[in-house]
Amino acid sequence: MQHDNDAAVIDNGNKVRRWITYVAGIYILTLGLSLAIRAGIGISPQSSLTRTMTLVFTPLSQGNYNLILEVIMLGLTFLVRPKAFKAGYLLSMIPALVLAVLLDVNLWLTEWIQLEPYAADVVLLVFADAMLALGLFMTLVPTPVAD
């Protein structure tokens, strides 16, 4: 695949800076998700499954259900393509664990948010979606692209 180097936003610099950017991106992404949940208007399909689980089966948190979903998806990846599965794929559980913990922290930090007028919920959702986009961008920027 040919990439246009002039338009690239990939950070190929210092690994520590890249990891800090990546974790900060996960934090902002989970904050955006938490705010979207607090707006009460709508969330992404993947998050809606884990959110529903927290409302139906209350003993576990949304972060826990997110982590369980990641483990299930990793297991399905192995079942679908066992010969192509590499042990290194198990390392994807580290960011999944960080995301789960930060999601629970942000849900706890934002539990006080209860907006009354619907317009305020819409504004909060727009802000939350912007946070989600920024967080996603920040997790993609430090990831080097294989040539």
Protein backbone atom coordinates (compact mmCIF):
# COMPACT_ATOMS: atom_id res chain seq x y z
CA MET A 1 0.00 0.00 0.00
CA GLN A 2 1.41 3.36 -1.01
CA HIS A 3 1.31 6.13 1.60
CA ASP A 4 1.60 9.84 0.91
CA ASN A 5 4.44 10.92 3.21
CA ASP A 6 3.46 14.60 2.99
CA ALA A 7 0.07 13.90 4.58
CA ALA A 8 1.33 11.51 7.27
CA VAL A 9 0.74 12.40 10.90
CA ILE A 10 2.52 9.35 12.29
CA ASP A 11 4.91 9.97 15.17
CA ASN A 12 8.01 7.83 14.62
CA GLY A 13 10.00 9.60 17.34
CA ASN A 14 10.75 8.82 20.95
CA LYS A 15 9.03 5.64 22.21
CA VAL A 16 8.30 7.13 25.63
CA ARG A 17 6.57 10.13 24.03
CA ARG A 18 4.61 7.78 21.76
CA TRP A 19 3.44 5.67 24.71
CA ILE A 20 2.45 8.76 26.69
CA THR A 21 0.48 10.04 23.69
CA TYR A 22 -1.15 6.62 23.28
CA VAL A 23 -2.22 6.33 26.93
CA ALA A 24 -3.39 9.98 26.97
CA GLY A 25 -5.44 9.18 23.86
CA ILE A 26 -7.03 6.21 25.62
CA TYR A 27 -7.83 8.44 28.60
CA ILE A 28 -9.46 11.11 26.42
CA LEU A 29 -11.32 8.44 24.46
CA THR A 30 -12.74 6.91 27.66
CA LEU A 31 -13.61 10.36 28.99
CA GLY A 32 -15.53 11.03 25.79
CA LEU A 33 -17.33 7.71 26.10
CA SER A 34 -18.18 8.46 29.74
CA LEU A 35 -19.59 11.87 28.80
CA ALA A 36 -21.62 10.31 25.96
CA ILE A 37 -23.08 7.83 28.45
CA ARG A 38 -23.91 10.69 30.85
CA ALA A 39 -25.65 12.58 28.03
CA GLY A 40 -27.99 9.62 27.75
CA ILE A 41 -28.74 10.13 24.06
CA GLY A 42 -26.67 7.44 22.35
CA ILE A 43 -23.32 5.68 22.21
CA SER A 44 -21.40 3.54 19.72
CA PRO A 45 -22.59 0.00 18.92
CA GLN A 46 -19.62 -1.67 20.67
CA SER A 47 -20.14 0.45 23.78
CA SER A 48 -23.89 -0.12 23.73
CA LEU A 49 -23.39 -3.86 24.18
CA THR A 50 -21.16 -3.40 27.22
CA ARG A 51 -23.41 -0.64 28.58
CA THR A 52 -26.45 -2.90 28.31
CA MET A 53 -24.57 -5.62 30.16
CA THR A 54 -23.90 -3.24 33.06
CA LEU A 55 -27.59 -2.41 33.26
CA VAL A 56 -28.79 -6.03 33.02
CA PHE A 57 -26.03 -7.83 34.94
CA THR A 58 -24.99 -5.24 37.52
CA PRO A 59 -22.17 -7.01 39.44
CA LEU A 60 -19.52 -6.04 36.87
CA SER A 61 -18.57 -2.57 35.66
CA GLN A 62 -18.56 -1.40 32.07
CA GLY A 63 -14.77 -1.56 32.02
CA ASN A 64 -14.95 -5.20 33.09
CA TYR A 65 -17.44 -5.99 30.34
CA ASN A 66 -15.25 -4.13 27.84
CA LEU A 67 -12.28 -6.28 28.85
CA ILE A 68 -14.37 -9.46 28.59
CA LEU A 69 -15.51 -8.41 25.10
CA GLU A 70 -11.87 -7.85 24.07
CA VAL A 71 -10.93 -11.33 25.34
CA ILE A 72 -13.85 -12.84 23.42
CA MET A 73 -12.83 -11.02 20.22
CA LEU A 74 -9.21 -12.18 20.65
CA GLY A 75 -10.44 -15.75 21.17
CA LEU A 76 -12.60 -15.52 18.05
CA THR A 77 -9.59 -14.23 16.11
CA PHE A 78 -7.72 -17.36 17.17
CA LEU A 79 -10.63 -19.62 16.21
CA VAL A 80 -11.04 -18.04 12.78
CA ARG A 81 -7.34 -18.00 11.85
CA PRO A 82 -5.40 -20.25 14.23
CA LYS A 83 -2.36 -20.61 11.97
CA ALA A 84 -2.06 -16.84 11.46
CA PHE A 85 -2.47 -16.11 15.18
CA LYS A 86 0.74 -14.91 16.81
CA ALA A 87 1.55 -14.98 20.51
CA GLY A 88 2.24 -11.23 20.25
CA TYR A 89 -1.49 -10.68 19.75
CA LEU A 90 -1.90 -11.42 23.44
CA LEU A 91 -0.08 -8.13 24.14
CA SER A 92 -3.22 -6.35 22.90
CA MET A 93 -4.70 -7.20 26.29
CA ILE A 94 -2.44 -4.57 27.91
CA PRO A 95 -4.10 -1.57 26.19
CA ALA A 96 -7.48 -3.29 26.64
CA LEU A 97 -6.83 -3.48 30.39
CA VAL A 98 -5.73 0.18 30.48
CA LEU A 99 -8.88 1.15 28.57
CA ALA A 100 -11.07 -0.85 30.96
CA VAL A 101 -9.54 0.74 34.06
CA LEU A 102 -9.66 4.28 32.63
CA LEU A 103 -13.26 3.80 31.48
CA ASP A 104 -14.32 2.82 34.99
CA VAL A 105 -12.36 5.74 36.47
CA ASN A 106 -13.99 8.21 34.07
CA LEU A 107 -17.45 6.80 34.65
CA TRP A 108 -16.87 7.27 38.37
CA LEU A 109 -15.54 10.83 37.86
CA THR A 110 -18.54 11.80 35.71
CA GLU A 111 -21.32 10.15 37.71
CA TRP A 112 -22.37 13.53 39.11
CA ILE A 113 -23.34 14.80 35.62
CA GLN A 114 -27.11 14.92 35.25
CA LEU A 115 -28.28 17.54 32.79
CA GLU A 116 -31.95 18.49 32.68
CA PRO A 117 -32.78 20.24 29.42
CA TYR A 118 -32.47 18.01 26.35
CA ALA A 119 -30.46 20.73 24.58
CA ALA A 120 -27.78 20.46 27.28
CA ASP A 121 -27.59 16.71 26.67
CA VAL A 122 -27.12 17.35 22.94
CA VAL A 123 -24.30 19.82 23.66
CA LEU A 124 -22.68 17.31 26.02
CA LEU A 125 -22.97 14.56 23.39
CA VAL A 126 -21.36 16.77 20.71
CA PHE A 127 -18.52 17.55 23.13
CA ALA A 128 -18.23 13.85 24.02
CA ASP A 129 -18.05 12.87 20.34
CA ALA A 130 -15.29 15.44 19.82
CA MET A 131 -13.41 13.93 22.78
CA LEU A 132 -13.87 10.45 21.31
CA ALA A 133 -12.50 11.61 17.97
CA LEU A 134 -9.52 13.35 19.57
CA GLY A 135 -8.78 10.31 21.74
CA LEU A 136 -8.96 7.98 18.76
CA PHE A 137 -6.67 10.28 16.77
CA MET A 138 -4.17 10.34 19.65
CA THR A 139 -4.10 6.53 19.80
CA LEU A 140 -3.45 6.29 16.07
CA VAL A 141 -0.74 8.97 15.75
CA PRO A 142 1.96 7.17 17.78
CA THR A 143 1.40 3.86 15.96
CA PRO A 144 4.11 3.28 13.35
CA VAL A 145 2.93 1.97 9.99
CA ALA A 146 4.67 -1.13 8.66
CA ASP A 147 6.02 -0.63 5.14
